[in-house]
Full PDB file with SEQRES, HELIX, SHEET, SSBOND, CRYST1, ORIGX, SCALE, CONECT and MASTER records, all heavy atoms in Angstrom:
SEQRES   1 A   39  LYS GLU ARG PHE GLU ILE ASP LYS GLU THR PHE GLU ILE          
SEQRES   2 A   39  LYS ILE GLU MET PHE ILE ALA VAL LYS GLU ARG PHE LYS          
SEQRES   3 A   39  LYS ASP MET GLU SER PHE GLU ILE ALA TYR GLU MET PHE          
HELIX    1 AA1 GLU A    2  MET A   38  1                                  37    
CRYST1    1.000    1.000    1.000  90.00  90.00  90.00 P 1           1          
ORIGX1      1.000000  0.000000  0.000000        0.00000                         
ORIGX2      0.000000  1.000000  0.000000        0.00000                         
ORIGX3      0.000000  0.000000  1.000000        0.00000                         
SCALE1      1.000000  0.000000  0.000000        0.00000                         
SCALE2      0.000000  1.000000  0.000000        0.00000                         
SCALE3      0.000000  0.000000  1.000000        0.00000                         
ATOM      1  N   LYS A   1     -17.312  40.271 -22.644  1.00  0.00           N  
ATOM      2  CA  LYS A   1     -15.829  40.262 -22.968  1.00  0.00           C  
ATOM      3  C   LYS A   1     -15.615  39.983 -24.442  1.00  0.00           C  
ATOM      4  O   LYS A   1     -14.802  40.755 -24.969  1.00  0.00           O  
ATOM      5  CB  LYS A   1     -15.177  39.144 -22.112  1.00  0.00           C  
ATOM      6  CG  LYS A   1     -13.661  39.401 -22.019  1.00  0.00           C  
ATOM      7  CD  LYS A   1     -13.108  38.205 -21.182  1.00  0.00           C  
ATOM      8  CE  LYS A   1     -11.520  38.372 -21.271  1.00  0.00           C  
ATOM      9  NZ  LYS A   1     -10.838  37.315 -20.297  1.00  0.00           N  
ATOM     10  N   GLU A   2     -16.299  39.121 -24.998  1.00  0.00           N  
ATOM     11  CA  GLU A   2     -16.162  38.823 -26.514  1.00  0.00           C  
ATOM     12  C   GLU A   2     -16.535  40.061 -27.258  1.00  0.00           C  
ATOM     13  O   GLU A   2     -15.844  40.460 -28.205  1.00  0.00           O  
ATOM     14  CB  GLU A   2     -16.955  37.640 -26.911  1.00  0.00           C  
ATOM     15  CG  GLU A   2     -16.411  36.331 -26.399  1.00  0.00           C  
ATOM     16  CD  GLU A   2     -17.386  35.167 -26.866  1.00  0.00           C  
ATOM     17  OE1 GLU A   2     -18.390  35.429 -27.463  1.00  0.00           O  
ATOM     18  OE2 GLU A   2     -17.050  34.043 -26.457  1.00  0.00           O  
ATOM     19  N   ARG A   3     -17.728  40.672 -26.889  1.00  0.00           N  
ATOM     20  CA  ARG A   3     -18.284  41.883 -27.546  1.00  0.00           C  
ATOM     21  C   ARG A   3     -17.197  43.067 -27.355  1.00  0.00           C  
ATOM     22  O   ARG A   3     -16.954  43.820 -28.228  1.00  0.00           O  
ATOM     23  CB  ARG A   3     -19.608  42.272 -27.126  1.00  0.00           C  
ATOM     24  CG  ARG A   3     -20.213  43.401 -27.805  1.00  0.00           C  
ATOM     25  CD  ARG A   3     -21.539  43.614 -27.384  1.00  0.00           C  
ATOM     26  NE  ARG A   3     -22.067  44.863 -27.942  1.00  0.00           N  
ATOM     27  CZ  ARG A   3     -23.187  45.510 -27.536  1.00  0.00           C  
ATOM     28  NH1 ARG A   3     -23.988  44.917 -26.625  1.00  0.00           N  
ATOM     29  NH2 ARG A   3     -23.671  46.528 -28.224  1.00  0.00           N  
ATOM     30  N   PHE A   4     -16.578  43.107 -26.157  1.00  0.00           N  
ATOM     31  CA  PHE A   4     -15.646  44.127 -25.782  1.00  0.00           C  
ATOM     32  C   PHE A   4     -14.392  43.916 -26.742  1.00  0.00           C  
ATOM     33  O   PHE A   4     -13.921  44.999 -27.172  1.00  0.00           O  
ATOM     34  CB  PHE A   4     -15.265  44.077 -24.329  1.00  0.00           C  
ATOM     35  CG  PHE A   4     -14.149  44.945 -23.856  1.00  0.00           C  
ATOM     36  CD1 PHE A   4     -14.363  46.304 -23.904  1.00  0.00           C  
ATOM     37  CD2 PHE A   4     -12.936  44.479 -23.652  1.00  0.00           C  
ATOM     38  CE1 PHE A   4     -13.335  47.243 -23.509  1.00  0.00           C  
ATOM     39  CE2 PHE A   4     -11.918  45.300 -23.371  1.00  0.00           C  
ATOM     40  CZ  PHE A   4     -12.093  46.686 -23.220  1.00  0.00           C  
ATOM     41  N   GLU A   5     -13.895  42.791 -26.837  1.00  0.00           N  
ATOM     42  CA  GLU A   5     -12.791  42.482 -27.671  1.00  0.00           C  
ATOM     43  C   GLU A   5     -13.063  42.819 -29.153  1.00  0.00           C  
ATOM     44  O   GLU A   5     -12.197  43.472 -29.828  1.00  0.00           O  
ATOM     45  CB  GLU A   5     -12.412  40.966 -27.603  1.00  0.00           C  
ATOM     46  CG  GLU A   5     -11.910  40.588 -26.330  1.00  0.00           C  
ATOM     47  CD  GLU A   5     -10.643  41.308 -25.870  1.00  0.00           C  
ATOM     48  OE1 GLU A   5      -9.766  41.673 -26.806  1.00  0.00           O  
ATOM     49  OE2 GLU A   5     -10.314  41.459 -24.572  1.00  0.00           O  
ATOM     50  N   ILE A   6     -14.336  42.509 -29.730  1.00  0.00           N  
ATOM     51  CA  ILE A   6     -14.700  42.785 -31.005  1.00  0.00           C  
ATOM     52  C   ILE A   6     -14.684  44.412 -31.209  1.00  0.00           C  
ATOM     53  O   ILE A   6     -14.219  44.873 -32.155  1.00  0.00           O  
ATOM     54  CB  ILE A   6     -16.020  42.093 -31.479  1.00  0.00           C  
ATOM     55  CG1 ILE A   6     -15.938  40.591 -31.590  1.00  0.00           C  
ATOM     56  CG2 ILE A   6     -16.392  42.650 -32.777  1.00  0.00           C  
ATOM     57  CD1 ILE A   6     -17.116  39.885 -31.496  1.00  0.00           C  
ATOM     58  N   ASP A   7     -15.448  45.035 -30.268  1.00  0.00           N  
ATOM     59  CA  ASP A   7     -15.470  46.465 -30.456  1.00  0.00           C  
ATOM     60  C   ASP A   7     -14.089  47.128 -30.213  1.00  0.00           C  
ATOM     61  O   ASP A   7     -13.802  48.205 -30.831  1.00  0.00           O  
ATOM     62  CB  ASP A   7     -16.458  46.998 -29.275  1.00  0.00           C  
ATOM     63  CG  ASP A   7     -17.895  46.659 -29.607  1.00  0.00           C  
ATOM     64  OD1 ASP A   7     -18.245  46.339 -30.833  1.00  0.00           O  
ATOM     65  OD2 ASP A   7     -18.718  46.595 -28.676  1.00  0.00           O  
ATOM     66  N   LYS A   8     -13.251  46.589 -29.551  1.00  0.00           N  
ATOM     67  CA  LYS A   8     -11.977  47.135 -29.301  1.00  0.00           C  
ATOM     68  C   LYS A   8     -11.138  47.047 -30.648  1.00  0.00           C  
ATOM     69  O   LYS A   8     -10.591  47.955 -31.046  1.00  0.00           O  
ATOM     70  CB  LYS A   8     -11.261  46.344 -28.283  1.00  0.00           C  
ATOM     71  CG  LYS A   8      -9.847  47.008 -27.858  1.00  0.00           C  
ATOM     72  CD  LYS A   8      -9.237  46.254 -26.707  1.00  0.00           C  
ATOM     73  CE  LYS A   8      -7.762  46.881 -26.397  1.00  0.00           C  
ATOM     74  NZ  LYS A   8      -7.112  46.056 -25.284  1.00  0.00           N  
ATOM     75  N   GLU A   9     -11.227  45.796 -31.315  1.00  0.00           N  
ATOM     76  CA  GLU A   9     -10.648  45.638 -32.568  1.00  0.00           C  
ATOM     77  C   GLU A   9     -11.264  46.618 -33.606  1.00  0.00           C  
ATOM     78  O   GLU A   9     -10.529  47.354 -34.454  1.00  0.00           O  
ATOM     79  CB  GLU A   9     -10.720  44.204 -32.967  1.00  0.00           C  
ATOM     80  CG  GLU A   9      -9.905  43.259 -32.316  1.00  0.00           C  
ATOM     81  CD  GLU A   9     -10.191  41.814 -32.778  1.00  0.00           C  
ATOM     82  OE1 GLU A   9     -10.947  41.612 -33.668  1.00  0.00           O  
ATOM     83  OE2 GLU A   9      -9.543  40.832 -31.971  1.00  0.00           O  
ATOM     84  N   THR A  10     -12.609  46.775 -33.562  1.00  0.00           N  
ATOM     85  CA  THR A  10     -13.290  47.641 -34.570  1.00  0.00           C  
ATOM     86  C   THR A  10     -12.845  49.054 -34.298  1.00  0.00           C  
ATOM     87  O   THR A  10     -12.588  49.869 -35.202  1.00  0.00           O  
ATOM     88  CB  THR A  10     -14.837  47.566 -34.389  1.00  0.00           C  
ATOM     89  OG1 THR A  10     -15.184  46.205 -34.608  1.00  0.00           O  
ATOM     90  CG2 THR A  10     -15.422  48.476 -35.473  1.00  0.00           C  
ATOM     91  N   PHE A  11     -12.754  49.334 -32.988  1.00  0.00           N  
ATOM     92  CA  PHE A  11     -12.338  50.706 -32.653  1.00  0.00           C  
ATOM     93  C   PHE A  11     -10.904  51.048 -33.154  1.00  0.00           C  
ATOM     94  O   PHE A  11     -10.668  52.209 -33.603  1.00  0.00           O  
ATOM     95  CB  PHE A  11     -12.389  50.800 -31.147  1.00  0.00           C  
ATOM     96  CG  PHE A  11     -12.016  52.237 -30.583  1.00  0.00           C  
ATOM     97  CD1 PHE A  11     -12.901  53.313 -30.822  1.00  0.00           C  
ATOM     98  CD2 PHE A  11     -10.824  52.397 -29.881  1.00  0.00           C  
ATOM     99  CE1 PHE A  11     -12.439  54.551 -30.329  1.00  0.00           C  
ATOM    100  CE2 PHE A  11     -10.464  53.589 -29.395  1.00  0.00           C  
ATOM    101  CZ  PHE A  11     -11.277  54.667 -29.534  1.00  0.00           C  
ATOM    102  N   GLU A  12      -9.967  50.078 -33.022  1.00  0.00           N  
ATOM    103  CA  GLU A  12      -8.705  50.166 -33.408  1.00  0.00           C  
ATOM    104  C   GLU A  12      -8.529  50.423 -35.062  1.00  0.00           C  
ATOM    105  O   GLU A  12      -7.821  51.327 -35.418  1.00  0.00           O  
ATOM    106  CB  GLU A  12      -7.780  49.055 -33.010  1.00  0.00           C  
ATOM    107  CG  GLU A  12      -7.608  48.808 -31.574  1.00  0.00           C  
ATOM    108  CD  GLU A  12      -6.718  50.045 -30.979  1.00  0.00           C  
ATOM    109  OE1 GLU A  12      -5.969  50.623 -31.701  1.00  0.00           O  
ATOM    110  OE2 GLU A  12      -6.946  50.344 -29.751  1.00  0.00           O  
ATOM    111  N   ILE A  13      -9.336  49.616 -35.619  1.00  0.00           N  
ATOM    112  CA  ILE A  13      -9.361  49.707 -37.215  1.00  0.00           C  
ATOM    113  C   ILE A  13     -10.051  51.160 -37.650  1.00  0.00           C  
ATOM    114  O   ILE A  13      -9.546  51.768 -38.409  1.00  0.00           O  
ATOM    115  CB  ILE A  13     -10.326  48.657 -37.774  1.00  0.00           C  
ATOM    116  CG1 ILE A  13      -9.708  47.219 -37.435  1.00  0.00           C  
ATOM    117  CG2 ILE A  13     -10.527  48.866 -39.296  1.00  0.00           C  
ATOM    118  CD1 ILE A  13     -10.562  46.052 -37.814  1.00  0.00           C  
ATOM    119  N   LYS A  14     -11.092  51.616 -36.880  1.00  0.00           N  
ATOM    120  CA  LYS A  14     -11.623  52.907 -37.161  1.00  0.00           C  
ATOM    121  C   LYS A  14     -10.655  53.900 -36.922  1.00  0.00           C  
ATOM    122  O   LYS A  14     -10.606  54.978 -37.657  1.00  0.00           O  
ATOM    123  CB  LYS A  14     -12.923  53.034 -36.372  1.00  0.00           C  
ATOM    124  CG  LYS A  14     -13.962  52.067 -36.662  1.00  0.00           C  
ATOM    125  CD  LYS A  14     -14.605  52.241 -37.934  1.00  0.00           C  
ATOM    126  CE  LYS A  14     -15.631  51.262 -38.372  1.00  0.00           C  
ATOM    127  NZ  LYS A  14     -16.763  51.298 -37.397  1.00  0.00           N  
ATOM    128  N   ILE A  15      -9.831  53.820 -35.852  1.00  0.00           N  
ATOM    129  CA  ILE A  15      -8.838  54.856 -35.555  1.00  0.00           C  
ATOM    130  C   ILE A  15      -7.731  54.928 -36.719  1.00  0.00           C  
ATOM    131  O   ILE A  15      -7.488  56.009 -37.198  1.00  0.00           O  
ATOM    132  CB  ILE A  15      -8.105  54.535 -34.168  1.00  0.00           C  
ATOM    133  CG1 ILE A  15      -9.013  54.922 -33.011  1.00  0.00           C  
ATOM    134  CG2 ILE A  15      -6.830  55.416 -34.114  1.00  0.00           C  
ATOM    135  CD1 ILE A  15      -8.587  54.567 -31.677  1.00  0.00           C  
ATOM    136  N   GLU A  16      -7.257  53.715 -37.016  1.00  0.00           N  
ATOM    137  CA  GLU A  16      -6.293  53.679 -38.248  1.00  0.00           C  
ATOM    138  C   GLU A  16      -6.913  54.249 -39.466  1.00  0.00           C  
ATOM    139  O   GLU A  16      -6.294  54.968 -40.302  1.00  0.00           O  
ATOM    140  CB  GLU A  16      -5.930  52.165 -38.383  1.00  0.00           C  
ATOM    141  CG  GLU A  16      -5.072  51.693 -37.285  1.00  0.00           C  
ATOM    142  CD  GLU A  16      -4.695  50.260 -37.435  1.00  0.00           C  
ATOM    143  OE1 GLU A  16      -5.050  49.714 -38.590  1.00  0.00           O  
ATOM    144  OE2 GLU A  16      -4.030  49.701 -36.651  1.00  0.00           O  
ATOM    145  N   MET A  17      -8.204  53.812 -39.777  1.00  0.00           N  
ATOM    146  CA  MET A  17      -8.831  54.345 -41.018  1.00  0.00           C  
ATOM    147  C   MET A  17      -9.032  55.906 -40.832  1.00  0.00           C  
ATOM    148  O   MET A  17      -8.874  56.677 -41.876  1.00  0.00           O  
ATOM    149  CB  MET A  17     -10.272  53.704 -41.063  1.00  0.00           C  
ATOM    150  CG  MET A  17     -10.971  54.078 -42.353  1.00  0.00           C  
ATOM    151  SD  MET A  17     -12.466  53.094 -42.556  1.00  0.00           S  
ATOM    152  CE  MET A  17     -13.177  53.861 -44.001  1.00  0.00           C  
ATOM    153  N   PHE A  18      -9.398  56.336 -39.634  1.00  0.00           N  
ATOM    154  CA  PHE A  18      -9.518  57.842 -39.434  1.00  0.00           C  
ATOM    155  C   PHE A  18      -8.248  58.592 -39.650  1.00  0.00           C  
ATOM    156  O   PHE A  18      -8.148  59.552 -40.362  1.00  0.00           O  
ATOM    157  CB  PHE A  18     -10.088  58.024 -38.164  1.00  0.00           C  
ATOM    158  CG  PHE A  18     -10.098  59.515 -37.579  1.00  0.00           C  
ATOM    159  CD1 PHE A  18     -11.112  60.371 -38.098  1.00  0.00           C  
ATOM    160  CD2 PHE A  18      -9.094  60.017 -36.822  1.00  0.00           C  
ATOM    161  CE1 PHE A  18     -11.190  61.789 -37.637  1.00  0.00           C  
ATOM    162  CE2 PHE A  18      -9.152  61.382 -36.339  1.00  0.00           C  
ATOM    163  CZ  PHE A  18     -10.129  62.212 -36.807  1.00  0.00           C  
ATOM    164  N   ILE A  19      -7.129  57.934 -39.235  1.00  0.00           N  
ATOM    165  CA  ILE A  19      -5.806  58.504 -39.294  1.00  0.00           C  
ATOM    166  C   ILE A  19      -5.341  58.642 -40.774  1.00  0.00           C  
ATOM    167  O   ILE A  19      -4.892  59.598 -41.364  1.00  0.00           O  
ATOM    168  CB  ILE A  19      -4.810  57.749 -38.529  1.00  0.00           C  
ATOM    169  CG1 ILE A  19      -4.975  58.114 -37.042  1.00  0.00           C  
ATOM    170  CG2 ILE A  19      -3.306  58.399 -38.847  1.00  0.00           C  
ATOM    171  CD1 ILE A  19      -4.150  57.069 -36.093  1.00  0.00           C  
ATOM    172  N   ALA A  20      -5.680  57.407 -41.569  1.00  0.00           N  
ATOM    173  CA  ALA A  20      -5.370  57.424 -43.033  1.00  0.00           C  
ATOM    174  C   ALA A  20      -6.205  58.384 -43.763  1.00  0.00           C  
ATOM    175  O   ALA A  20      -5.499  59.037 -44.622  1.00  0.00           O  
ATOM    176  CB  ALA A  20      -5.594  55.894 -43.521  1.00  0.00           C  
ATOM    177  N   VAL A  21      -7.446  58.525 -43.399  1.00  0.00           N  
ATOM    178  CA  VAL A  21      -8.187  59.513 -44.214  1.00  0.00           C  
ATOM    179  C   VAL A  21      -7.836  60.937 -43.851  1.00  0.00           C  
ATOM    180  O   VAL A  21      -7.798  61.772 -44.779  1.00  0.00           O  
ATOM    181  CB  VAL A  21      -9.694  59.206 -43.841  1.00  0.00           C  
ATOM    182  CG1 VAL A  21     -10.640  60.409 -44.420  1.00  0.00           C  
ATOM    183  CG2 VAL A  21     -10.263  57.964 -44.397  1.00  0.00           C  
ATOM    184  N   LYS A  22      -7.456  61.097 -42.569  1.00  0.00           N  
ATOM    185  CA  LYS A  22      -6.941  62.463 -42.252  1.00  0.00           C  
ATOM    186  C   LYS A  22      -5.757  62.766 -42.955  1.00  0.00           C  
ATOM    187  O   LYS A  22      -5.580  63.929 -43.412  1.00  0.00           O  
ATOM    188  CB  LYS A  22      -6.682  62.413 -40.704  1.00  0.00           C  
ATOM    189  CG  LYS A  22      -6.480  63.876 -40.179  1.00  0.00           C  
ATOM    190  CD  LYS A  22      -6.384  63.832 -38.637  1.00  0.00           C  
ATOM    191  CE  LYS A  22      -6.051  65.203 -38.083  1.00  0.00           C  
ATOM    192  NZ  LYS A  22      -5.979  65.211 -36.666  1.00  0.00           N  
ATOM    193  N   GLU A  23      -4.780  61.860 -43.136  1.00  0.00           N  
ATOM    194  CA  GLU A  23      -3.519  62.182 -43.865  1.00  0.00           C  
ATOM    195  C   GLU A  23      -3.790  62.277 -45.348  1.00  0.00           C  
ATOM    196  O   GLU A  23      -3.224  63.286 -45.918  1.00  0.00           O  
ATOM    197  CB  GLU A  23      -2.605  60.836 -43.769  1.00  0.00           C  
ATOM    198  CG  GLU A  23      -1.929  60.641 -42.340  1.00  0.00           C  
ATOM    199  CD  GLU A  23      -1.017  61.841 -42.123  1.00  0.00           C  
ATOM    200  OE1 GLU A  23      -0.365  62.205 -42.964  1.00  0.00           O  
ATOM    201  OE2 GLU A  23      -0.896  62.083 -40.879  1.00  0.00           O  
ATOM    202  N   ARG A  24      -4.713  61.523 -45.838  1.00  0.00           N  
ATOM    203  CA  ARG A  24      -5.012  61.750 -47.297  1.00  0.00           C  
ATOM    204  C   ARG A  24      -5.631  63.195 -47.510  1.00  0.00           C  
ATOM    205  O   ARG A  24      -5.590  63.774 -48.618  1.00  0.00           O  
ATOM    206  CB  ARG A  24      -5.990  60.606 -47.784  1.00  0.00           C  
ATOM    207  CG  ARG A  24      -6.312  60.764 -49.299  1.00  0.00           C  
ATOM    208  CD  ARG A  24      -7.196  59.543 -49.659  1.00  0.00           C  
ATOM    209  NE  ARG A  24      -7.692  59.668 -51.007  1.00  0.00           N  
ATOM    210  CZ  ARG A  24      -8.617  58.922 -51.572  1.00  0.00           C  
ATOM    211  NH1 ARG A  24      -9.158  57.981 -50.901  1.00  0.00           N  
ATOM    212  NH2 ARG A  24      -8.844  59.156 -52.898  1.00  0.00           N  
ATOM    213  N   PHE A  25      -6.590  63.438 -46.542  1.00  0.00           N  
ATOM    214  CA  PHE A  25      -7.232  64.864 -46.617  1.00  0.00           C  
ATOM    215  C   PHE A  25      -6.100  65.898 -46.562  1.00  0.00           C  
ATOM    216  O   PHE A  25      -6.244  66.930 -47.310  1.00  0.00           O  
ATOM    217  CB  PHE A  25      -8.179  64.960 -45.369  1.00  0.00           C  
ATOM    218  CG  PHE A  25      -8.744  66.300 -45.201  1.00  0.00           C  
ATOM    219  CD1 PHE A  25      -9.766  66.664 -46.043  1.00  0.00           C  
ATOM    220  CD2 PHE A  25      -8.316  67.227 -44.263  1.00  0.00           C  
ATOM    221  CE1 PHE A  25     -10.310  67.936 -45.982  1.00  0.00           C  
ATOM    222  CE2 PHE A  25      -8.860  68.426 -44.149  1.00  0.00           C  
ATOM    223  CZ  PHE A  25      -9.865  68.802 -44.900  1.00  0.00           C  
ATOM    224  N   LYS A  26      -5.132  65.757 -45.713  1.00  0.00           N  
ATOM    225  CA  LYS A  26      -3.988  66.830 -45.650  1.00  0.00           C  
ATOM    226  C   LYS A  26      -3.268  66.878 -46.934  1.00  0.00           C  
ATOM    227  O   LYS A  26      -2.919  67.994 -47.484  1.00  0.00           O  
ATOM    228  CB  LYS A  26      -2.994  66.430 -44.452  1.00  0.00           C  
ATOM    229  CG  LYS A  26      -3.636  66.635 -43.165  1.00  0.00           C  
ATOM    230  CD  LYS A  26      -2.571  66.378 -42.076  1.00  0.00           C  
ATOM    231  CE  LYS A  26      -3.068  66.619 -40.650  1.00  0.00           C  
ATOM    232  NZ  LYS A  26      -2.072  66.286 -39.602  1.00  0.00           N  
ATOM    233  N   LYS A  27      -2.969  65.649 -47.516  1.00  0.00           N  
ATOM    234  CA  LYS A  27      -2.214  65.651 -48.867  1.00  0.00           C  
ATOM    235  C   LYS A  27      -3.095  66.346 -50.026  1.00  0.00           C  
ATOM    236  O   LYS A  27      -2.529  67.186 -50.649  1.00  0.00           O  
ATOM    237  CB  LYS A  27      -1.800  64.128 -49.242  1.00  0.00           C  
ATOM    238  CG  LYS A  27      -0.719  63.629 -48.389  1.00  0.00           C  
ATOM    239  CD  LYS A  27      -0.428  62.153 -48.671  1.00  0.00           C  
ATOM    240  CE  LYS A  27       0.579  61.550 -47.776  1.00  0.00           C  
ATOM    241  NZ  LYS A  27       0.872  60.156 -48.101  1.00  0.00           N  
ATOM    242  N   ASP A  28      -4.257  65.908 -50.026  1.00  0.00           N  
ATOM    243  CA  ASP A  28      -5.146  66.542 -51.102  1.00  0.00           C  
ATOM    244  C   ASP A  28      -5.264  68.003 -50.879  1.00  0.00           C  
ATOM    245  O   ASP A  28      -5.414  68.631 -51.900  1.00  0.00           O  
ATOM    246  CB  ASP A  28      -6.565  65.836 -50.932  1.00  0.00           C  
ATOM    247  CG  ASP A  28      -6.536  64.465 -51.549  1.00  0.00           C  
ATOM    248  OD1 ASP A  28      -5.558  64.158 -52.358  1.00  0.00           O  
ATOM    249  OD2 ASP A  28      -7.333  63.616 -51.346  1.00  0.00           O  
ATOM    250  N   MET A  29      -5.423  68.368 -49.653  1.00  0.00           N  
ATOM    251  CA  MET A  29      -5.491  69.937 -49.305  1.00  0.00           C  
ATOM    252  C   MET A  29      -4.203  70.637 -49.826  1.00  0.00           C  
ATOM    253  O   MET A  29      -4.341  71.710 -50.381  1.00  0.00           O  
ATOM    254  CB  MET A  29      -5.718  70.076 -47.868  1.00  0.00           C  
ATOM    255  CG  MET A  29      -6.045  71.529 -47.475  1.00  0.00           C  
ATOM    256  SD  MET A  29      -6.693  71.584 -45.712  1.00  0.00           S  
ATOM    257  CE  MET A  29      -7.004  73.323 -45.705  1.00  0.00           C  
ATOM    258  N   GLU A  30      -3.033  69.963 -49.490  1.00  0.00           N  
ATOM    259  CA  GLU A  30      -1.728  70.564 -49.983  1.00  0.00           C  
ATOM    260  C   GLU A  30      -1.636  70.654 -51.474  1.00  0.00           C  
ATOM    261  O   GLU A  30      -1.243  71.615 -52.094  1.00  0.00           O  
ATOM    262  CB  GLU A  30      -0.512  69.828 -49.468  1.00  0.00           C  
ATOM    263  CG  GLU A  30      -0.376  69.976 -47.912  1.00  0.00           C  
ATOM    264  CD  GLU A  30       0.668  68.955 -47.433  1.00  0.00           C  
ATOM    265  OE1 GLU A  30       1.355  68.243 -48.141  1.00  0.00           O  
ATOM    266  OE2 GLU A  30       0.980  69.037 -46.182  1.00  0.00           O  
ATOM    267  N   SER A  31      -2.135  69.394 -52.104  1.00  0.00           N  
ATOM    268  CA  SER A  31      -2.137  69.455 -53.601  1.00  0.00           C  
ATOM    269  C   SER A  31      -3.053  70.468 -54.206  1.00  0.00           C  
ATOM    270  O   SER A  31      -2.824  71.138 -55.179  1.00  0.00           O  
ATOM    271  CB  SER A  31      -2.581  67.956 -54.115  1.00  0.00           C  
ATOM    272  OG  SER A  31      -2.759  67.941 -55.418  1.00  0.00           O  
ATOM    273  N   PHE A  32      -4.219  70.594 -53.475  1.00  0.00           N  
ATOM    274  CA  PHE A  32      -5.242  71.669 -53.858  1.00  0.00           C  
ATOM    275  C   PHE A  32      -4.552  73.023 -53.804  1.00  0.00           C  
ATOM    276  O   PHE A  32      -4.750  73.884 -54.812  1.00  0.00           O  
ATOM    277  CB  PHE A  32      -6.314  71.570 -52.998  1.00  0.00           C  
ATOM    278  CG  PHE A  32      -7.491  72.621 -53.244  1.00  0.00           C  
ATOM    279  CD1 PHE A  32      -8.234  72.519 -54.352  1.00  0.00           C  
ATOM    280  CD2 PHE A  32      -7.515  73.670 -52.334  1.00  0.00           C  
ATOM    281  CE1 PHE A  32      -9.153  73.545 -54.483  1.00  0.00           C  
ATOM    282  CE2 PHE A  32      -8.460  74.701 -52.596  1.00  0.00           C  
ATOM    283  CZ  PHE A  32      -9.311  74.530 -53.691  1.00  0.00           C  
ATOM    284  N   GLU A  33      -3.878  73.337 -52.694  1.00  0.00           N  
ATOM    285  CA  GLU A  33      -3.172  74.681 -52.582  1.00  0.00           C  
ATOM    286  C   GLU A  33      -2.179  74.888 -53.602  1.00  0.00           C  
ATOM    287  O   GLU A  33      -2.139  76.012 -54.243  1.00  0.00           O  
ATOM    288  CB  GLU A  33      -2.566  74.812 -51.203  1.00  0.00           C  
ATOM    289  CG  GLU A  33      -3.535  74.730 -49.916  1.00  0.00           C  
ATOM    290  CD  GLU A  33      -4.447  76.001 -49.946  1.00  0.00           C  
ATOM    291  OE1 GLU A  33      -4.050  77.032 -50.484  1.00  0.00           O  
ATOM    292  OE2 GLU A  33      -5.582  76.021 -49.454  1.00  0.00           O  
ATOM    293  N   ILE A  34      -1.432  73.860 -53.922  1.00  0.00           N  
ATOM    294  CA  ILE A  34      -0.303  74.075 -54.971  1.00  0.00           C  
ATOM    295  C   ILE A  34      -0.974  74.232 -56.328  1.00  0.00           C  
ATOM    296  O   ILE A  34      -0.456  75.122 -57.052  1.00  0.00           O  
ATOM    297  CB  ILE A  34       0.534  72.760 -55.068  1.00  0.00           C  
ATOM    298  CG1 ILE A  34       1.404  72.735 -53.686  1.00  0.00           C  
ATOM    299  CG2 ILE A  34       1.532  72.740 -56.183  1.00  0.00           C  
ATOM    300  CD1 ILE A  34       1.981  71.328 -53.455  1.00  0.00           C  
ATOM    301  N   ALA A  35      -2.025  73.425 -56.685  1.00  0.00           N  
ATOM    302  CA  ALA A  35      -2.645  73.659 -57.906  1.00  0.00           C  
ATOM    303  C   ALA A  35      -3.273  74.969 -58.079  1.00  0.00           C  
ATOM    304  O   ALA A  35      -3.317  75.661 -59.107  1.00  0.00           O  
ATOM    305  CB  ALA A  35      -3.625  72.449 -58.092  1.00  0.00           C  
ATOM    306  N   TYR A  36      -3.808  75.531 -56.842  1.00  0.00           N  
ATOM    307  CA  TYR A  36      -4.486  76.812 -56.865  1.00  0.00           C  
ATOM    308  C   TYR A  36      -3.570  77.901 -57.164  1.00  0.00           C  
ATOM    309  O   TYR A  36      -3.697  78.759 -57.961  1.00  0.00           O  
ATOM    310  CB  TYR A  36      -5.131  76.929 -55.680  1.00  0.00           C  
ATOM    311  CG  TYR A  36      -5.967  78.253 -55.425  1.00  0.00           C  
ATOM    312  CD1 TYR A  36      -7.225  78.401 -56.368  1.00  0.00           C  
ATOM    313  CD2 TYR A  36      -5.577  79.315 -54.610  1.00  0.00           C  
ATOM    314  CE1 TYR A  36      -7.881  79.641 -56.198  1.00  0.00           C  
ATOM    315  CE2 TYR A  36      -6.248  80.415 -54.456  1.00  0.00           C  
ATOM    316  CZ  TYR A  36      -7.380  80.536 -55.405  1.00  0.00           C  
ATOM    317  OH  TYR A  36      -8.126  81.785 -55.183  1.00  0.00           O  
ATOM    318  N   GLU A  37      -2.251  77.816 -56.407  1.00  0.00           N  
ATOM    319  CA  GLU A  37      -1.223  78.777 -56.565  1.00  0.00           C  
ATOM    320  C   GLU A  37      -0.755  78.708 -58.114  1.00  0.00           C  
ATOM    321  O   GLU A  37      -0.528  79.765 -58.712  1.00  0.00           O  
ATOM    322  CB  GLU A  37      -0.093  78.545 -55.619  1.00  0.00           C  
ATOM    323  CG  GLU A  37      -0.517  78.735 -54.217  1.00  0.00           C  
ATOM    324  CD  GLU A  37      -0.694  80.184 -53.811  1.00  0.00           C  
ATOM    325  OE1 GLU A  37      -0.057  81.137 -54.623  1.00  0.00           O  
ATOM    326  OE2 GLU A  37      -1.577  80.432 -53.039  1.00  0.00           O  
ATOM    327  N   MET A  38      -0.534  77.496 -58.639  1.00  0.00           N  
ATOM    328  CA  MET A  38      -0.082  77.468 -60.012  1.00  0.00           C  
ATOM    329  C   MET A  38      -1.205  78.036 -61.034  1.00  0.00           C  
ATOM    330  O   MET A  38      -0.727  78.659 -61.928  1.00  0.00           O  
ATOM    331  CB  MET A  38       0.166  75.900 -60.392  1.00  0.00           C  
ATOM    332  CG  MET A  38       0.889  75.672 -61.692  1.00  0.00           C  
ATOM    333  SD  MET A  38       1.306  73.979 -61.912  1.00  0.00           S  
ATOM    334  CE  MET A  38       1.833  74.035 -63.446  1.00  0.00           C  
ATOM    335  N   PHE A  39      -2.378  77.766 -60.733  1.00  0.00           N  
ATOM    336  CA  PHE A  39      -3.521  78.263 -61.509  1.00  0.00           C  
ATOM    337  C   PHE A  39      -3.454  79.783 -61.525  1.00  0.00           C  
ATOM    338  O   PHE A  39      -3.558  80.393 -62.592  1.00  0.00           O  
ATOM    339  CB  PHE A  39      -4.860  77.694 -60.982  1.00  0.00           C  
ATOM    340  CG  PHE A  39      -6.035  78.486 -61.574  1.00  0.00           C  
ATOM    341  CD1 PHE A  39      -6.413  78.134 -62.833  1.00  0.00           C  
ATOM    342  CD2 PHE A  39      -6.754  79.354 -60.925  1.00  0.00           C  
ATOM    343  CE1 PHE A  39      -7.496  78.614 -63.408  1.00  0.00           C  
ATOM    344  CE2 PHE A  39      -7.828  79.858 -61.491  1.00  0.00           C  
ATOM    345  CZ  PHE A  39      -8.220  79.593 -62.610  1.00  0.00           C  
TER     346      PHE A  39                                                      
MASTER        0    0    0    1    0    0    0    6  345    1    0    3          
END                                                                             
């Protein structure tokens, strides 16, 4: 049960980290497209 709670918290943190990295990836991709068009 303790391990389950720890893994559950780790899993929630990994999900939030995954969502943050995904959002940053989208923003960088949009910035890359804008810079490429401007170039």
